[in-house]
């Protein structure tokens, strides 16, 4: 029996949520020092598979949703697609840059 698209999305979101929860648990550990914290932050933005890390992947997902919304939104007025494009840009431009700044502040020599 095949699952519906929405069921597959729900399962994937559940897996991603569990993975992010594991990272959060690691961040809360008492023995995380500033160098390790900087390295963890860098992994969120510099992971090589997929290129650009977790934030770039989320931004790419939002961009795909925006492009689909452009095709199906009523009146093609951008009410759905524009906020999605803006959210993707905020993730990569704003959130990504702030992670880089934080990592550099914690470990200037080790953060790229």
C-alpha atoms as a PDB file:
ATOM      1  CA  UNK A   1       0.000   0.000   0.000  1.00  0.00           C
ATOM      2  CA  UNK A   2       1.568   3.281  -1.019  1.00  0.00           C
ATOM      3  CA  UNK A   3       1.527   6.269   1.234  1.00  0.00           C
ATOM      4  CA  UNK A   4       0.138   9.585   0.163  1.00  0.00           C
ATOM      5  CA  UNK A   5       2.359  12.562  -0.508  1.00  0.00           C
ATOM      6  CA  UNK A   6       1.217  14.229   2.712  1.00  0.00           C
ATOM      7  CA  UNK A   7       2.007  11.092   4.722  1.00  0.00           C
ATOM      8  CA  UNK A   8       5.518  11.001   3.218  1.00  0.00           C
ATOM      9  CA  UNK A   9       6.010  14.684   4.040  1.00  0.00           C
ATOM     10  CA  UNK A  10       4.826  14.120   7.620  1.00  0.00           C
ATOM     11  CA  UNK A  11       7.224  11.197   8.029  1.00  0.00           C
ATOM     12  CA  UNK A  12      10.115  13.214   6.597  1.00  0.00           C
ATOM     13  CA  UNK A  13       9.351  16.178   8.844  1.00  0.00           C
ATOM     14  CA  UNK A  14       9.288  13.816  11.796  1.00  0.00           C
ATOM     15  CA  UNK A  15      12.714  12.439  10.912  1.00  0.00           C
ATOM     16  CA  UNK A  16      14.126  15.943  10.422  1.00  0.00           C
ATOM     17  CA  UNK A  17      12.635  17.061  13.727  1.00  0.00           C
ATOM     18  CA  UNK A  18      14.252  14.147  15.548  1.00  0.00           C
ATOM     19  CA  UNK A  19      17.622  14.937  13.972  1.00  0.00           C
ATOM     20  CA  UNK A  20      17.349  18.610  14.956  1.00  0.00           C
ATOM     21  CA  UNK A  21      16.323  17.586  18.475  1.00  0.00           C
ATOM     22  CA  UNK A  22      19.516  15.503  18.719  1.00  0.00           C
ATOM     23  CA  UNK A  23      21.567  18.550  17.728  1.00  0.00           C
ATOM     24  CA  UNK A  24      19.734  20.650  20.303  1.00  0.00           C
ATOM     25  CA  UNK A  25      20.427  18.020  22.966  1.00  0.00           C
ATOM     26  CA  UNK A  26      24.123  18.081  22.024  1.00  0.00           C
ATOM     27  CA  UNK A  27      24.146  21.882  22.253  1.00  0.00           C
ATOM     28  CA  UNK A  28      22.718  21.697  25.783  1.00  0.00           C
ATOM     29  CA  UNK A  29      25.502  19.402  27.014  1.00  0.00           C
ATOM     30  CA  UNK A  30      27.507  20.883  29.862  1.00  0.00           C
ATOM     31  CA  UNK A  31      30.824  19.999  28.252  1.00  0.00           C
ATOM     32  CA  UNK A  32      30.330  21.911  24.959  1.00  0.00           C
ATOM     33  CA  UNK A  33      33.077  24.536  24.823  1.00  0.00           C
ATOM     34  CA  UNK A  34      33.249  27.553  22.554  1.00  0.00           C
ATOM     35  CA  UNK A  35      35.381  25.809  19.906  1.00  0.00           C
ATOM     36  CA  UNK A  36      32.970  22.893  19.646  1.00  0.00           C
ATOM     37  CA  UNK A  37      29.956  25.221  19.606  1.00  0.00           C
ATOM     38  CA  UNK A  38      31.552  27.189  16.762  1.00  0.00           C
ATOM     39  CA  UNK A  39      32.159  23.946  14.862  1.00  0.00           C
ATOM     40  CA  UNK A  40      28.549  22.851  15.350  1.00  0.00           C
ATOM     41  CA  UNK A  41      27.281  26.198  14.074  1.00  0.00           C
ATOM     42  CA  UNK A  42      29.525  25.880  11.036  1.00  0.00           C
ATOM     43  CA  UNK A  43      28.113  22.426  10.302  1.00  0.00           C
ATOM     44  CA  UNK A  44      24.629  23.950  10.090  1.00  0.00           C
ATOM     45  CA  UNK A  45      25.728  26.292   7.318  1.00  0.00           C
ATOM     46  CA  UNK A  46      28.722  24.583   5.689  1.00  0.00           C
ATOM     47  CA  UNK A  47      27.777  20.958   5.426  1.00  0.00           C
ATOM     48  CA  UNK A  48      29.005  19.671   2.080  1.00  0.00           C
ATOM     49  CA  UNK A  49      26.128  17.280   1.456  1.00  0.00           C
ATOM     50  CA  UNK A  50      23.869  19.038   0.538  1.00  0.00           C
ATOM     51  CA  UNK A  51      25.905  22.092  -0.403  1.00  0.00           C
ATOM     52  CA  UNK A  52      25.251  24.953   1.953  1.00  0.00           C
ATOM     53  CA  UNK A  53      24.115  23.006   4.962  1.00  0.00           C
ATOM     54  CA  UNK A  54      20.779  22.690   6.698  1.00  0.00           C
ATOM     55  CA  UNK A  55      19.748  26.313   6.281  1.00  0.00           C
ATOM     56  CA  UNK A  56      20.359  26.265   2.538  1.00  0.00           C
ATOM     57  CA  UNK A  57      18.311  23.092   2.271  1.00  0.00           C
ATOM     58  CA  UNK A  58      15.373  24.675   4.099  1.00  0.00           C
ATOM     59  CA  UNK A  59      15.662  27.774   1.908  1.00  0.00           C
ATOM     60  CA  UNK A  60      15.700  25.556  -1.204  1.00  0.00           C
ATOM     61  CA  UNK A  61      12.560  23.787   0.013  1.00  0.00           C
ATOM     62  CA  UNK A  62      10.793  27.128   0.532  1.00  0.00           C
ATOM     63  CA  UNK A  63      11.885  28.306  -2.916  1.00  0.00           C
ATOM     64  CA  UNK A  64      10.430  25.142  -4.467  1.00  0.00           C
ATOM     65  CA  UNK A  65       7.169  25.805  -2.621  1.00  0.00           C
ATOM     66  CA  UNK A  66       7.199  29.409  -3.835  1.00  0.00           C
ATOM     67  CA  UNK A  67       7.704  28.358  -7.436  1.00  0.00           C
ATOM     68  CA  UNK A  68       4.830  25.916  -7.194  1.00  0.00           C
ATOM     69  CA  UNK A  69       2.662  28.593  -5.548  1.00  0.00           C
ATOM     70  CA  UNK A  70       3.422  30.918  -8.459  1.00  0.00           C
ATOM     71  CA  UNK A  71       1.857  28.350 -10.771  1.00  0.00           C
ATOM     72  CA  UNK A  72      -1.284  27.634  -8.754  1.00  0.00           C
ATOM     73  CA  UNK A  73      -2.097  30.705  -6.664  1.00  0.00           C
ATOM     74  CA  UNK A  74      -5.321  32.493  -7.564  1.00  0.00           C
ATOM     75  CA  UNK A  75      -4.905  35.520  -9.856  1.00  0.00           C
ATOM     76  CA  UNK A  76      -1.108  34.995  -9.915  1.00  0.00           C
ATOM     77  CA  UNK A  77      -0.891  37.914  -7.505  1.00  0.00           C
ATOM     78  CA  UNK A  78       2.029  36.695  -5.396  1.00  0.00           C
ATOM     79  CA  UNK A  79       0.088  36.533  -2.135  1.00  0.00           C
ATOM     80  CA  UNK A  80       1.445  33.044  -1.498  1.00  0.00           C
ATOM     81  CA  UNK A  81       4.671  32.956  -3.457  1.00  0.00           C
ATOM     82  CA  UNK A  82       6.207  36.281  -2.389  1.00  0.00           C
ATOM     83  CA  UNK A  83       6.260  35.486   1.347  1.00  0.00           C
ATOM     84  CA  UNK A  84       7.814  32.103   0.579  1.00  0.00           C
ATOM     85  CA  UNK A  85      10.548  33.669  -1.549  1.00  0.00           C
ATOM     86  CA  UNK A  86      11.161  36.227   1.202  1.00  0.00           C
ATOM     87  CA  UNK A  87      11.366  33.507   3.859  1.00  0.00           C
ATOM     88  CA  UNK A  88      13.938  31.628   1.787  1.00  0.00           C
ATOM     89  CA  UNK A  89      15.994  34.803   1.370  1.00  0.00           C
ATOM     90  CA  UNK A  90      15.834  35.581   5.090  1.00  0.00           C
ATOM     91  CA  UNK A  91      17.097  32.117   5.942  1.00  0.00           C
ATOM     92  CA  UNK A  92      20.096  32.285   3.635  1.00  0.00           C
ATOM     93  CA  UNK A  93      20.884  35.994   3.820  1.00  0.00           C
ATOM     94  CA  UNK A  94      20.048  36.827   7.410  1.00  0.00           C
ATOM     95  CA  UNK A  95      20.042  33.659   9.494  1.00  0.00           C
ATOM     96  CA  UNK A  96      22.984  32.105   7.670  1.00  0.00           C
ATOM     97  CA  UNK A  97      25.107  35.220   8.028  1.00  0.00           C
ATOM     98  CA  UNK A  98      24.285  35.495  11.725  1.00  0.00           C
ATOM     99  CA  UNK A  99      25.395  31.894  12.285  1.00  0.00           C
ATOM    100  CA  UNK A 100      28.686  32.699  10.577  1.00  0.00           C
ATOM    101  CA  UNK A 101      29.166  35.781  12.797  1.00  0.00           C
ATOM    102  CA  UNK A 102      28.401  33.755  15.926  1.00  0.00           C
ATOM    103  CA  UNK A 103      30.799  30.984  14.959  1.00  0.00           C
ATOM    104  CA  UNK A 104      33.566  33.515  14.260  1.00  0.00           C
ATOM    105  CA  UNK A 105      32.953  35.252  17.578  1.00  0.00           C
ATOM    106  CA  UNK A 106      33.287  31.950  19.405  1.00  0.00           C
ATOM    107  CA  UNK A 107      36.291  30.622  17.502  1.00  0.00           C
ATOM    108  CA  UNK A 108      37.759  33.149  15.054  1.00  0.00           C
ATOM    109  CA  UNK A 109      40.622  30.901  13.934  1.00  0.00           C
ATOM    110  CA  UNK A 110      38.534  27.790  13.330  1.00  0.00           C
ATOM    111  CA  UNK A 111      35.400  29.274  11.785  1.00  0.00           C
ATOM    112  CA  UNK A 112      35.378  29.978   8.095  1.00  0.00           C
END
